Amino acid sequence: MTPDYSNIPSLDHSGQDKHKDEVPRGGEPTNEPTAKTVTPSSPPGPKKKTTRVIIFCLAVAGMLFLGVGALGIYQRNQWTAKVQQRTNEAARMLVDVVHPEKSTGIRKLQLPGQTMPYTYSPILAQTSGYLKKWYFDIGARVKAGDVLAEIDTPQVDYQLEQARAQLKVAQAASDLAEITYKRYQDLFKTNVISAQDFDTASENYAGEQSTVVADQAALGRLEALEAFKILRAPFDGIVTARNTDIGDYIPAGSGTELFRMAANSPLRVYVTVPQSCSSLVKAGDQAELTVSEFPGRTFPVKVVTTASAINPASKKLLTELEAPNPTGELSAGAYVQVAINIPVGGHGLMIQARTLLFESGQPAVGVVHPDGKVEIRKITIAQDFGTRLLIANGLSESDQLIINPSPGLVSGTAVTIVNPATTTSIPME
């Protein structure tokens, strides 16, 4: 059965019943005007709100992006600056510095030296033979006259016996010539013999006397050789070398050194004084000696003499000092340090020699300013004491001087101080 849709009102596109104004079915049309339906205006749609939100979000996002970008640029610049600063610091030269010090007018001149025996002698043989026996080895302390060794010399022994016999023959002939001379002298006075016979007797007597003298000299030479069979110590000292042994053949006059002796009490000490201080060192000046074998100890020494002439090669003055060394603690031939107290002519500032450099051939030093920049400052040296220099002008006690400056150092160089000097005085010794 088909449904009936005729009673269902139809709607137009606006949603209103299109039959609303029509006359109802089965009635008369009414004369009242038909009321027209007014459609109210629609409120703003969701599209406009969405656009505003999007714009606001974009604006916030843009501001955040700019902020993040600005922060990143700032941090990058800060990082770059730190890297540059560290790079600059790493590129700076690292230096050690020291301050000048005031001069007190007395300078302890520190010089290297060497000890030498007061007497140093080789013991050689003066007679030929074979070594029979030796009595002292190296390191032995001996007195003057002690027997060091004996040499067996049979050839010299036989020559000595022959010389003694020859002397007796010559002495007998001389005695006979003397008796004859005296007899002829009496006979000549009484005119018994001629003058010629007397002169002959006189000449014979003189000749025999000369023969005796010659034979005595030959005997003395052989006796001296015989005495050289016994090798004796010429002075009190130490045997420092033994170059022979029992049974060795020893030729006389060959220069073979059998023993060597040294007297080490007192000791001689030799130093070389710089020319600038040579006139200040005098005989009798007191000094101190130090040696590495005895750390912390000093030994008294005094200046004995100088060479009185400057060495043309080293431009230094050879100076001899004397160390008593009564106990023999100090060894001969040792390397030592000698400190001599000498007066300094004038007052000024003392600097270490290792701070010195040369600028255009003139002495100068590298001075580090508080900002880390270097100034090459020329100075005037009043006196040179080897490891220390007396400066007449050009520096002050507060200046920081670079130790062992590079030859290529120039003014304006930026440096970093490794060990800032905290005192204005550095020990002189």
Protein backbone atom coordinates (compact mmCIF):
# COMPACT_ATOMS: atom_id res chain seq x y z
CA MET A 1 0.00 0.00 0.00
CA THR A 2 1.46 3.30 -1.10
CA PRO A 3 1.68 5.96 1.69
CA ASP A 4 0.06 9.30 1.25
CA TYR A 5 2.52 12.23 1.39
CA SER A 6 0.08 14.93 0.37
CA ASN A 7 -0.44 16.24 3.85
CA ILE A 8 3.27 16.75 4.59
CA PRO A 9 4.26 20.42 4.24
CA SER A 10 7.06 21.16 1.90
CA LEU A 11 9.96 23.33 2.94
CA ASP A 12 11.81 25.77 0.86
CA HIS A 13 15.57 26.22 0.97
CA SER A 14 15.32 28.60 3.91
CA GLY A 15 13.58 25.96 6.00
CA GLN A 16 10.05 27.65 6.01
CA ASP A 17 6.77 25.98 5.11
CA LYS A 18 5.90 27.20 1.59
CA HIS A 19 2.20 26.51 2.21
CA LYS A 20 2.05 28.59 5.33
CA ASP A 21 0.55 31.66 3.57
CA GLU A 22 -1.93 29.68 1.56
CA VAL A 23 -5.62 29.51 2.55
CA PRO A 24 -6.34 26.56 4.60
CA ARG A 25 -8.12 23.84 2.91
CA GLY A 26 -11.95 24.15 3.31
CA GLY A 27 -11.94 27.81 4.49
CA GLU A 28 -12.15 31.30 3.11
CA PRO A 29 -9.20 33.32 2.38
CA THR A 30 -8.48 35.83 5.12
CA ASN A 31 -8.08 39.52 4.47
CA GLU A 32 -5.27 39.99 7.07
CA PRO A 33 -1.97 40.71 5.62
CA THR A 34 0.44 37.93 5.70
CA ALA A 35 3.31 38.46 8.08
CA LYS A 36 6.68 38.20 6.35
CA THR A 37 9.23 36.23 8.23
CA VAL A 38 12.46 38.20 8.90
CA THR A 39 15.63 36.00 9.05
CA PRO A 40 18.04 37.19 11.78
CA SER A 41 21.84 37.95 10.81
CA SER A 42 24.27 35.07 11.46
CA PRO A 43 26.97 35.51 14.22
CA PRO A 44 30.78 35.64 13.16
CA GLY A 45 31.89 32.30 11.97
CA PRO A 46 34.80 30.18 13.35
CA LYS A 47 37.00 31.09 10.34
CA LYS A 48 37.88 34.58 11.64
CA LYS A 49 38.83 33.30 15.10
CA THR A 50 41.09 30.65 13.63
CA THR A 51 42.91 33.24 11.47
CA ARG A 52 43.60 35.45 14.47
CA VAL A 53 44.92 32.54 16.49
CA ILE A 54 47.18 31.50 13.64
CA ILE A 55 48.52 35.03 13.24
CA PHE A 56 49.15 35.30 16.98
CA CYS A 57 50.90 31.94 17.05
CA LEU A 58 53.03 32.91 14.09
CA ALA A 59 53.97 36.17 15.78
CA VAL A 60 54.90 34.36 19.00
CA ALA A 61 56.83 31.75 17.06
CA GLY A 62 58.65 34.46 15.14
CA MET A 63 59.57 36.25 18.33
CA LEU A 64 60.78 33.00 19.88
CA PHE A 65 62.79 32.25 16.76
CA LEU A 66 64.38 35.68 16.82
CA GLY A 67 65.11 35.34 20.53
CA VAL A 68 66.68 31.91 20.09
CA GLY A 69 68.69 33.21 17.14
CA ALA A 70 69.88 36.25 19.07
CA LEU A 71 70.82 34.05 22.03
CA GLY A 72 72.69 31.66 19.77
CA ILE A 73 74.58 34.51 18.10
CA TYR A 74 75.43 35.97 21.52
CA GLN A 75 76.68 32.63 22.84
CA ARG A 76 78.64 32.03 19.67
CA ASN A 77 80.28 35.43 19.95
CA GLN A 78 81.11 34.74 23.59
CA TRP A 79 82.59 31.35 22.71
CA THR A 80 84.55 32.85 19.82
CA ALA A 81 85.91 35.56 22.10
CA LYS A 82 86.98 32.98 24.68
CA VAL A 83 88.62 30.83 22.01
CA GLN A 84 90.40 33.89 20.62
CA GLN A 85 91.53 34.88 24.11
CA ARG A 86 92.85 31.39 24.82
CA THR A 87 94.51 31.33 21.42
CA ASN A 88 96.18 34.65 22.12
CA GLU A 89 97.28 33.46 25.54
CA ALA A 90 98.63 30.24 24.08
CA ALA A 91 100.48 32.23 21.41
CA ARG A 92 102.19 34.38 24.06
CA MET A 93 105.78 33.68 25.00
CA LEU A 94 106.25 32.18 28.47
CA VAL A 95 109.02 33.91 30.43
CA ASP A 96 110.64 33.89 33.87
CA VAL A 97 111.45 37.23 35.44
CA VAL A 98 113.64 38.59 38.22
CA HIS A 99 114.07 41.98 39.88
CA PRO A 100 117.33 43.96 40.08
CA GLU A 101 118.88 44.25 43.52
CA LYS A 102 120.71 46.98 45.37
CA SER A 103 124.49 46.89 45.50
CA THR A 104 125.99 46.91 49.01
CA GLY A 105 129.49 47.97 47.93
CA ILE A 106 130.94 44.51 48.68
CA ARG A 107 130.75 41.81 46.06
CA LYS A 108 131.35 38.12 46.60
CA LEU A 109 132.96 37.13 43.33
CA GLN A 110 132.06 33.51 42.58
CA LEU A 111 134.59 31.81 40.31
CA PRO A 112 135.25 28.21 39.24
CA GLY A 113 138.66 26.86 40.11
CA GLN A 114 140.83 23.79 40.34
CA THR A 115 142.93 22.43 43.16
CA MET A 116 146.52 21.40 42.53
CA PRO A 117 149.13 19.77 44.78
CA TYR A 118 151.51 22.16 46.45
CA THR A 119 154.31 19.91 45.16
CA TYR A 120 153.85 17.39 42.39
CA SER A 121 156.79 15.30 41.28
CA PRO A 122 157.52 12.18 39.23
CA ILE A 123 160.07 9.70 40.58
CA LEU A 124 162.46 8.45 37.86
CA ALA A 125 165.44 6.10 37.89
CA GLN A 126 168.98 7.46 37.43
CA THR A 127 170.64 4.05 37.20
CA SER A 128 170.05 1.03 35.01
CA GLY A 129 168.93 -2.28 36.46
CA TYR A 130 165.99 -4.41 37.46
CA LEU A 131 163.41 -3.48 40.06
CA LYS A 132 164.17 -5.57 43.11
CA LYS A 133 161.35 -4.50 45.42
CA TRP A 134 158.77 -1.73 45.96
CA TYR A 135 157.41 -0.73 49.36
CA PHE A 136 154.51 1.72 48.81
CA ASP A 137 151.50 1.56 46.52
CA ILE A 138 149.14 4.32 45.38
CA GLY A 139 147.41 6.22 48.18
CA ALA A 140 150.18 5.59 50.67
CA ARG A 141 151.25 8.54 52.83
CA VAL A 142 155.02 8.75 53.07
CA LYS A 143 157.58 10.95 54.75
CA ALA A 144 160.58 12.55 53.13
CA GLY A 145 163.40 9.96 52.89
CA ASP A 146 161.17 6.88 53.03
CA VAL A 147 162.36 4.11 50.68
CA LEU A 148 159.92 3.63 47.83
CA ALA A 149 161.75 0.89 45.92
CA GLU A 150 165.12 -0.80 45.33
CA ILE A 151 166.84 -1.45 42.00
CA ASP A 152 169.30 -4.30 41.46
CA THR A 153 172.31 -2.91 39.47
CA PRO A 154 175.14 -5.53 39.22
CA GLN A 155 176.86 -3.67 36.37
CA VAL A 156 177.07 -0.48 38.38
CA ASP A 157 178.34 -2.47 41.37
CA TYR A 158 181.27 -3.86 39.35
CA GLN A 159 182.07 -0.47 37.86
CA LEU A 160 182.12 1.01 41.34
CA GLU A 161 184.58 -1.61 42.60
CA GLN A 162 186.80 -0.99 39.58
CA ALA A 163 186.70 2.74 40.13
CA ARG A 164 187.67 2.34 43.76
CA ALA A 165 190.64 0.14 42.80
CA GLN A 166 191.68 2.57 40.09
CA LEU A 167 191.60 5.40 42.58
CA LYS A 168 193.90 3.49 44.91
CA VAL A 169 196.39 2.96 42.07
CA ALA A 170 196.25 6.61 41.17
CA GLN A 171 196.66 7.60 44.80
CA ALA A 172 199.74 5.35 45.16
CA ALA A 173 201.29 6.84 42.03
CA SER A 174 200.56 10.30 43.32
CA ASP A 175 202.20 9.52 46.64
CA LEU A 176 205.33 8.26 44.88
CA ALA A 177 205.41 11.31 42.65
CA GLU A 178 205.12 13.50 45.73
CA ILE A 179 208.05 11.79 47.46
CA THR A 180 210.18 12.05 44.31
CA TYR A 181 209.27 15.69 43.92
CA LYS A 182 210.29 16.52 47.51
CA ARG A 183 213.59 14.60 47.18
CA TYR A 184 214.47 16.30 43.90
CA GLN A 185 213.60 19.61 45.47
CA ASP A 186 216.27 19.10 48.18
CA LEU A 187 218.79 17.85 45.64
CA PHE A 188 218.14 20.78 43.36
CA LYS A 189 218.81 23.18 46.22
CA THR A 190 222.27 21.61 46.73
CA ASN A 191 222.92 21.59 42.95
CA VAL A 192 223.09 17.79 42.83
CA ILE A 193 220.56 17.53 40.00
CA SER A 194 219.85 19.78 37.11
CA ALA A 195 216.91 22.04 36.85
CA GLN A 196 215.49 19.88 34.07
CA ASP A 197 215.31 16.82 36.33
CA PHE A 198 213.60 18.86 39.02
CA ASP A 199 211.06 20.21 36.56
CA THR A 200 210.36 16.68 35.31
CA ALA A 201 209.69 15.44 38.83
CA SER A 202 207.45 18.43 39.49
CA GLU A 203 205.40 17.77 36.37
CA ASN A 204 205.02 14.09 37.20
CA TYR A 205 203.74 14.96 40.66
CA ALA A 206 201.18 17.42 39.27
CA GLY A 207 200.03 14.87 36.67
CA GLU A 208 199.57 12.16 39.25
CA GLN A 209 197.54 14.54 41.42
CA SER A 210 195.29 15.29 38.45
CA THR A 211 194.81 11.58 37.85
CA VAL A 212 193.74 11.12 41.45
CA VAL A 213 191.21 13.94 41.13
CA ALA A 214 189.80 12.42 37.92
CA ASP A 215 189.54 8.98 39.47
CA GLN A 216 187.83 10.47 42.51
CA ALA A 217 185.25 12.13 40.23
CA ALA A 218 184.62 8.86 38.40
CA LEU A 219 184.22 7.08 41.70
CA GLY A 220 181.82 9.76 42.90
CA ARG A 221 179.66 9.38 39.79
CA LEU A 222 179.43 5.64 40.27
CA GLU A 223 178.71 6.07 43.98
CA ALA A 224 175.85 8.43 43.05
CA LEU A 225 174.49 5.83 40.64
CA GLU A 226 174.84 3.25 43.36
CA ALA A 227 172.87 5.51 45.70
CA PHE A 228 170.12 5.82 43.08
CA LYS A 229 169.53 2.10 43.51
CA ILE A 230 167.40 3.16 46.46
CA LEU A 231 164.40 5.30 45.44
CA ARG A 232 163.41 7.63 48.27
CA ALA A 233 160.50 10.01 48.78
CA PRO A 234 161.70 13.58 48.17
CA PHE A 235 159.03 15.17 50.45
CA ASP A 236 156.07 14.38 52.67
CA GLY A 237 153.09 13.46 50.56
CA ILE A 238 150.96 10.79 48.92
CA VAL A 239 151.96 8.23 46.30
CA THR A 240 149.52 8.94 43.48
CA ALA A 241 150.96 6.56 40.85
CA ARG A 242 153.10 3.42 40.61
CA ASN A 243 154.14 2.49 37.09
CA THR A 244 156.55 -0.37 37.70
CA ASP A 245 156.70 -3.81 39.26
CA ILE A 246 159.24 -6.34 40.46
CA GLY A 247 161.51 -7.59 37.69
CA ASP A 248 160.97 -4.67 35.30
CA TYR A 249 164.10 -3.49 33.53
CA ILE A 250 164.73 0.18 34.17
CA PRO A 251 167.10 1.94 31.75
CA ALA A 252 168.80 5.01 33.17
CA GLY A 253 167.91 8.32 31.52
CA SER A 254 164.96 6.90 29.57
CA GLY A 255 162.45 9.16 31.31
CA THR A 256 160.48 6.19 32.62
CA GLU A 257 158.32 7.37 35.51
CA LEU A 258 158.34 4.80 38.30
CA PHE A 259 156.31 6.65 40.93
CA ARG A 260 154.49 9.97 41.24
CA MET A 261 154.06 11.85 44.47
CA ALA A 262 151.90 14.80 45.49
CA ALA A 263 151.94 17.02 48.55
CA ASN A 264 148.35 18.10 49.25
CA SER A 265 148.79 19.98 52.51
CA PRO A 266 148.52 22.81 51.74
CA LEU A 267 146.83 22.83 48.31
CA ARG A 268 147.20 25.35 45.54
CA VAL A 269 143.94 26.65 44.05
CA TYR A 270 143.89 28.37 40.66
CA VAL A 271 141.09 30.61 39.37
CA THR A 272 140.83 33.08 36.51
CA VAL A 273 139.50 36.52 37.44
CA PRO A 274 137.69 38.60 34.77
CA GLN A 275 139.65 41.58 33.52
CA SER A 276 137.06 44.00 34.94
CA CYS A 277 137.84 42.74 38.47
CA SER A 278 141.54 41.96 38.08
CA SER A 279 142.66 45.20 39.70
CA LEU A 280 140.51 44.52 42.77
CA VAL A 281 142.08 41.17 43.70
CA LYS A 282 145.11 41.51 45.96
CA ALA A 283 147.48 39.08 47.68
CA GLY A 284 146.21 38.30 51.17
CA ASP A 285 142.50 38.64 50.32
CA GLN A 286 140.39 36.09 52.17
CA ALA A 287 138.06 33.76 50.30
CA GLU A 288 135.92 30.67 50.75
CA LEU A 289 136.09 27.38 48.88
CA THR A 290 133.22 24.98 48.32
CA VAL A 291 133.28 21.55 46.72
CA SER A 292 130.44 19.25 45.70
CA GLU A 293 131.81 16.36 47.80
CA PHE A 294 131.07 18.32 50.98
CA PRO A 295 127.69 20.07 50.50
CA GLY A 296 127.02 22.87 52.96
CA ARG A 297 130.65 23.18 54.02
CA THR A 298 133.14 25.95 53.25
CA PHE A 299 136.93 25.86 53.49
CA PRO A 300 139.04 28.98 54.12
CA VAL A 301 141.49 30.02 51.42
CA LYS A 302 143.52 33.14 50.77
CA VAL A 303 144.98 34.81 47.70
CA VAL A 304 148.73 34.15 47.46
CA THR A 305 149.69 35.78 44.18
CA THR A 306 148.52 36.60 40.66
CA ALA A 307 150.10 36.28 37.26
CA SER A 308 150.20 40.11 37.00
CA ALA A 309 149.29 39.77 33.33
CA ILE A 310 145.99 39.34 31.52
CA ASN A 311 145.71 36.26 29.34
CA PRO A 312 145.33 37.66 25.79
CA ALA A 313 143.07 34.80 24.72
CA SER A 314 140.63 34.65 27.66
CA LYS A 315 141.08 38.26 28.90
CA LYS A 316 141.32 36.93 32.45
CA LEU A 317 143.88 37.05 35.24
CA LEU A 318 145.32 33.79 36.55
CA THR A 319 145.19 33.91 40.36
CA GLU A 320 146.68 31.46 42.87
CA LEU A 321 145.13 30.82 46.27
CA GLU A 322 146.21 28.54 49.08
CA ALA A 323 144.04 26.13 51.09
CA PRO A 324 145.57 24.81 54.35
CA ASN A 325 143.94 21.35 54.09
CA PRO A 326 145.51 19.99 57.30
CA THR A 327 143.39 16.83 57.35
CA GLY A 328 143.82 16.10 53.65
CA GLU A 329 140.06 16.11 53.03
CA LEU A 330 140.40 18.12 49.84
CA SER A 331 141.74 16.22 46.86
CA ALA A 332 144.18 17.57 44.36
CA GLY A 333 142.83 18.08 40.85
CA ALA A 334 139.25 18.67 42.03
CA TYR A 335 136.80 21.18 40.52
CA VAL A 336 135.81 23.77 43.15
CA GLN A 337 133.99 27.07 43.55
CA VAL A 338 135.84 30.00 45.10
CA ALA A 339 134.08 33.10 46.49
CA ILE A 340 136.33 36.14 46.91
CA ASN A 341 135.10 39.21 48.77
CA ILE A 342 136.05 42.25 46.73
CA PRO A 343 134.98 45.89 47.06
CA VAL A 344 132.65 47.27 44.42
CA GLY A 345 133.62 50.73 43.22
CA GLY A 346 130.32 52.55 43.62
CA HIS A 347 126.68 51.80 44.33
CA GLY A 348 124.02 50.87 41.83
CA LEU A 349 121.82 47.95 40.88
CA MET A 350 123.02 44.40 40.37
CA ILE A 351 121.41 42.14 37.78
CA GLN A 352 121.99 38.55 36.81
CA ALA A 353 124.16 38.06 33.74
CA ARG A 354 121.58 35.69 32.25
CA THR A 355 119.14 38.61 31.81
CA LEU A 356 121.51 40.35 29.39
CA LEU A 357 120.90 40.62 25.66
CA PHE A 358 122.28 42.91 22.96
CA GLU A 359 120.32 45.47 20.94
CA SER A 360 122.27 46.87 17.97
CA GLY A 361 125.50 45.81 19.64
CA GLN A 362 124.61 47.57 22.90
CA PRO A 363 123.85 45.76 26.20
CA ALA A 364 120.14 45.69 27.00
CA VAL A 365 117.53 43.80 29.00
CA GLY A 366 113.92 42.77 28.38
CA VAL A 367 111.59 44.58 30.81
CA VAL A 368 108.02 43.23 31.21
CA HIS A 369 105.41 45.93 31.88
CA PRO A 370 102.23 45.28 33.94
CA ASP A 371 100.21 44.86 30.72
CA GLY A 372 102.44 41.97 29.64
CA LYS A 373 104.22 43.92 26.90
CA VAL A 374 108.00 43.78 26.58
CA GLU A 375 110.32 46.75 26.37
CA ILE A 376 113.90 46.28 25.17
CA ARG A 377 115.77 48.76 27.36
CA LYS A 378 119.42 49.64 26.88
CA ILE A 379 121.60 49.72 29.98
CA THR A 380 125.07 50.87 31.02
CA ILE A 381 127.30 48.26 32.67
CA ALA A 382 129.60 49.70 35.33
CA GLN A 383 131.36 46.43 36.27
CA ASP A 384 131.19 42.83 35.17
CA PHE A 385 131.44 40.23 37.95
CA GLY A 386 130.91 37.16 35.82
CA THR A 387 127.49 35.94 36.96
CA ARG A 388 126.41 39.44 38.11
CA LEU A 389 126.57 42.87 36.50
CA LEU A 390 126.67 46.26 38.19
CA ILE A 391 124.36 48.63 36.29
CA ALA A 392 125.09 52.35 36.39
CA ASN A 393 121.68 53.51 35.10
CA GLY A 394 118.65 52.51 33.07
CA LEU A 395 116.82 50.30 35.59
CA SER A 396 114.84 50.44 38.81
CA GLU A 397 114.25 47.87 41.54
CA SER A 398 110.63 47.33 40.48
CA ASP A 399 111.49 46.35 36.91
CA GLN A 400 110.78 42.76 35.90
CA LEU A 401 113.69 41.44 33.83
CA ILE A 402 113.30 38.42 31.56
CA ILE A 403 115.66 35.56 32.37
CA ASN A 404 117.46 34.07 29.33
CA PRO A 405 115.67 36.29 26.78
CA SER A 406 115.39 35.11 23.19
CA PRO A 407 117.79 36.87 20.79
CA GLY A 408 114.83 37.70 18.53
CA LEU A 409 112.84 39.42 21.29
CA VAL A 410 111.55 42.86 20.27
CA SER A 411 109.71 45.65 22.02
CA GLY A 412 105.93 45.24 22.09
CA THR A 413 105.98 41.46 22.28
CA ALA A 414 103.21 40.08 24.50
CA VAL A 415 104.49 37.59 27.06
CA THR A 416 103.12 35.58 29.96
CA ILE A 417 105.09 35.49 33.20
CA VAL A 418 105.50 31.97 34.54
CA ASN A 419 106.96 32.80 37.95
CA PRO A 420 106.27 36.38 38.98
CA ALA A 421 109.07 37.77 41.12
CA THR A 422 107.73 38.44 44.60
CA THR A 423 110.85 40.03 46.04
CA THR A 424 113.01 42.94 44.97
CA SER A 425 116.25 41.22 45.91
CA ILE A 426 117.81 38.04 44.65
CA PRO A 427 120.60 36.34 46.64
CA MET A 428 124.00 37.25 45.28
CA GLU A 429 125.64 33.90 45.94
